Amino acid sequence: MTERFLTERDLFSTFNIPARTAQRWRVSGDGPPFVRVGKRRILYRETDISTWMEKRTFASRAAELAQQVAT
């Protein structure tokens, strides 16, 4: 099975987020899991990004708030 990875730049451009946001997510743990493959090289598994996004997908604001209360 071949795992596909996105670079840090791919993540920024694909999801239209500032680079600084993704860097903050890594520090806070709010973003998708990442793989450090070098001192300055960060990669993201596509499967991890998909899982991370699924956990943040809601049918309504009420559903989102209900999940926040449950955790």
N, C-alpha and C. Protein backbone atom coordinates (compact mmCIF):
# COMPACT_ATOMS: atom_id res chain seq x y z
N MET A 1 0.85 -1.18 0.00
CA MET A 1 0.00 0.00 0.00
C MET A 1 0.89 1.24 0.00
N THR A 2 0.67 2.13 -0.94
CA THR A 2 1.46 3.34 -1.04
C THR A 2 0.73 4.49 -0.37
N GLU A 3 1.37 5.09 0.59
CA GLU A 3 0.80 6.23 1.32
C GLU A 3 1.15 7.51 0.57
N ARG A 4 0.16 8.38 0.40
CA ARG A 4 0.41 9.66 -0.26
C ARG A 4 0.59 10.74 0.79
N PHE A 5 1.52 11.64 0.53
CA PHE A 5 1.84 12.72 1.46
C PHE A 5 1.69 14.07 0.78
N LEU A 6 1.34 15.07 1.57
CA LEU A 6 1.33 16.45 1.12
C LEU A 6 2.45 17.18 1.85
N THR A 7 3.11 18.06 1.13
CA THR A 7 4.10 18.90 1.79
C THR A 7 3.36 19.99 2.56
N GLU A 8 4.08 20.70 3.36
CA GLU A 8 3.50 21.82 4.11
C GLU A 8 2.90 22.84 3.13
N ARG A 9 3.61 23.12 2.07
CA ARG A 9 3.13 24.07 1.05
C ARG A 9 1.87 23.54 0.36
N ASP A 10 1.81 22.24 0.10
CA ASP A 10 0.61 21.64 -0.50
C ASP A 10 -0.60 21.84 0.41
N LEU A 11 -0.39 21.66 1.71
CA LEU A 11 -1.47 21.83 2.67
C LEU A 11 -1.99 23.27 2.63
N PHE A 12 -1.07 24.24 2.63
CA PHE A 12 -1.46 25.65 2.60
C PHE A 12 -2.29 25.96 1.37
N SER A 13 -1.78 25.54 0.21
CA SER A 13 -2.46 25.89 -1.03
C SER A 13 -3.75 25.11 -1.25
N THR A 14 -3.77 23.84 -0.88
CA THR A 14 -4.97 23.02 -1.08
C THR A 14 -6.14 23.52 -0.23
N PHE A 15 -5.85 23.90 1.00
CA PHE A 15 -6.92 24.31 1.91
C PHE A 15 -7.01 25.82 2.10
N ASN A 16 -6.21 26.55 1.32
CA ASN A 16 -6.27 28.01 1.32
C ASN A 16 -6.13 28.59 2.73
N ILE A 17 -5.10 28.13 3.43
CA ILE A 17 -4.84 28.65 4.77
C ILE A 17 -3.45 29.28 4.79
N PRO A 18 -3.26 30.27 5.62
CA PRO A 18 -1.92 30.86 5.74
C PRO A 18 -0.93 29.86 6.34
N ALA A 19 0.31 29.98 5.94
CA ALA A 19 1.35 29.09 6.47
C ALA A 19 1.41 29.18 7.99
N ARG A 20 1.25 30.36 8.52
CA ARG A 20 1.33 30.56 9.97
C ARG A 20 0.23 29.80 10.71
N THR A 21 -0.94 29.68 10.10
CA THR A 21 -2.04 28.93 10.73
C THR A 21 -1.66 27.48 10.91
N ALA A 22 -1.13 26.86 9.87
CA ALA A 22 -0.73 25.45 9.96
C ALA A 22 0.39 25.28 10.99
N GLN A 23 1.29 26.23 11.06
CA GLN A 23 2.37 26.15 12.05
C GLN A 23 1.81 26.26 13.46
N ARG A 24 0.84 27.13 13.67
CA ARG A 24 0.19 27.23 14.99
C ARG A 24 -0.53 25.94 15.33
N TRP A 25 -1.20 25.34 14.34
CA TRP A 25 -1.91 24.08 14.57
C TRP A 25 -0.94 23.00 15.05
N ARG A 26 0.25 22.96 14.48
CA ARG A 26 1.23 21.95 14.91
C ARG A 26 1.62 22.16 16.37
N VAL A 27 1.82 23.39 16.75
CA VAL A 27 2.21 23.69 18.13
C VAL A 27 1.08 23.36 19.10
N SER A 28 -0.15 23.73 18.74
CA SER A 28 -1.30 23.56 19.64
C SER A 28 -1.90 22.16 19.59
N GLY A 29 -1.60 21.42 18.52
CA GLY A 29 -2.19 20.09 18.35
C GLY A 29 -3.57 20.12 17.73
N ASP A 30 -4.00 21.28 17.24
CA ASP A 30 -5.33 21.42 16.63
C ASP A 30 -5.39 20.95 15.18
N GLY A 31 -4.29 20.86 14.52
CA GLY A 31 -4.28 20.51 13.11
C GLY A 31 -4.16 19.02 12.88
N PRO A 32 -4.05 18.64 11.62
CA PRO A 32 -3.88 17.21 11.31
C PRO A 32 -2.52 16.72 11.78
N PRO A 33 -2.42 15.43 12.09
CA PRO A 33 -1.11 14.88 12.48
C PRO A 33 -0.10 15.10 11.36
N PHE A 34 1.15 15.29 11.74
CA PHE A 34 2.20 15.54 10.75
C PHE A 34 3.36 14.59 10.97
N VAL A 35 4.19 14.48 9.95
CA VAL A 35 5.38 13.64 9.99
C VAL A 35 6.58 14.56 9.78
N ARG A 36 7.51 14.54 10.69
CA ARG A 36 8.73 15.32 10.52
C ARG A 36 9.78 14.40 9.90
N VAL A 37 10.22 14.73 8.70
CA VAL A 37 11.18 13.89 8.00
C VAL A 37 12.57 14.53 7.93
N GLY A 38 12.71 15.65 8.56
CA GLY A 38 13.98 16.36 8.62
C GLY A 38 13.84 17.53 9.56
N LYS A 39 14.92 18.22 9.78
CA LYS A 39 14.89 19.34 10.73
C LYS A 39 13.84 20.38 10.35
N ARG A 40 13.68 20.64 9.04
CA ARG A 40 12.73 21.65 8.60
C ARG A 40 11.70 21.11 7.60
N ARG A 41 11.61 19.81 7.47
CA ARG A 41 10.73 19.19 6.47
C ARG A 41 9.55 18.52 7.17
N ILE A 42 8.34 18.99 6.85
CA ILE A 42 7.10 18.48 7.42
C ILE A 42 6.25 17.91 6.30
N LEU A 43 5.68 16.73 6.52
CA LEU A 43 4.75 16.12 5.57
C LEU A 43 3.46 15.76 6.29
N TYR A 44 2.39 15.68 5.53
CA TYR A 44 1.08 15.30 6.06
C TYR A 44 0.55 14.13 5.24
N ARG A 45 0.13 13.06 5.91
CA ARG A 45 -0.49 11.93 5.20
C ARG A 45 -1.89 12.34 4.76
N GLU A 46 -2.24 12.02 3.54
CA GLU A 46 -3.58 12.34 3.04
C GLU A 46 -4.66 11.68 3.90
N THR A 47 -4.41 10.45 4.34
CA THR A 47 -5.41 9.76 5.17
C THR A 47 -5.60 10.47 6.51
N ASP A 48 -4.52 10.99 7.09
CA ASP A 48 -4.63 11.73 8.35
C ASP A 48 -5.41 13.02 8.16
N ILE A 49 -5.18 13.69 7.04
CA ILE A 49 -5.92 14.93 6.76
C ILE A 49 -7.40 14.63 6.59
N SER A 50 -7.72 13.57 5.86
CA SER A 50 -9.13 13.19 5.66
C SER A 50 -9.81 12.86 6.98
N THR A 51 -9.14 12.09 7.83
CA THR A 51 -9.70 11.74 9.14
C THR A 51 -9.90 12.99 9.99
N TRP A 52 -8.92 13.87 9.98
CA TRP A 52 -9.00 15.12 10.74
C TRP A 52 -10.19 15.96 10.27
N MET A 53 -10.39 16.03 8.96
CA MET A 53 -11.50 16.81 8.41
C MET A 53 -12.85 16.16 8.74
N GLU A 54 -12.93 14.85 8.68
CA GLU A 54 -14.19 14.16 9.01
C GLU A 54 -14.61 14.44 10.44
N LYS A 55 -13.66 14.51 11.35
CA LYS A 55 -13.97 14.80 12.75
C LYS A 55 -14.46 16.23 12.94
N ARG A 56 -14.24 17.08 11.95
CA ARG A 56 -14.64 18.48 12.02
C ARG A 56 -15.75 18.82 11.04
N THR A 57 -16.47 17.82 10.60
CA THR A 57 -17.58 18.02 9.67
C THR A 57 -18.89 17.83 10.44
N PHE A 58 -19.77 18.84 10.33
CA PHE A 58 -21.01 18.84 11.10
C PHE A 58 -22.19 19.16 10.20
N ALA A 59 -23.34 18.62 10.53
CA ALA A 59 -24.57 18.90 9.79
C ALA A 59 -25.13 20.27 10.16
N SER A 60 -24.83 20.71 11.37
CA SER A 60 -25.35 22.00 11.84
C SER A 60 -24.46 22.54 12.95
N ARG A 61 -24.66 23.79 13.27
CA ARG A 61 -23.92 24.40 14.39
C ARG A 61 -24.29 23.71 15.70
N ALA A 62 -25.55 23.31 15.83
CA ALA A 62 -25.99 22.61 17.04
C ALA A 62 -25.23 21.30 17.21
N ALA A 63 -25.01 20.58 16.13
CA ALA A 63 -24.25 19.33 16.19
C ALA A 63 -22.81 19.59 16.61
N GLU A 64 -22.24 20.67 16.12
CA GLU A 64 -20.87 21.02 16.49
C GLU A 64 -20.81 21.35 17.99
N LEU A 65 -21.74 22.15 18.46
CA LEU A 65 -21.76 22.52 19.88
C LEU A 65 -22.00 21.30 20.77
N ALA A 66 -22.84 20.37 20.33
CA ALA A 66 -23.10 19.16 21.10
C ALA A 66 -21.83 18.32 21.25
N GLN A 67 -21.03 18.26 20.20
CA GLN A 67 -19.79 17.50 20.28
C GLN A 67 -18.81 18.18 21.23
N GLN A 68 -18.76 19.50 21.22
CA GLN A 68 -17.86 20.23 22.11
C GLN A 68 -18.23 20.00 23.57
N VAL A 69 -19.53 19.94 23.86
CA VAL A 69 -19.99 19.72 25.22
C VAL A 69 -19.65 18.29 25.67
N ALA A 70 -19.75 17.33 24.74
CA ALA A 70 -19.48 15.93 25.06
C ALA A 70 -18.01 15.66 25.36
N THR A 71 -17.12 16.47 24.82
CA THR A 71 -15.70 16.21 25.05
C THR A 71 -15.13 16.99 26.17
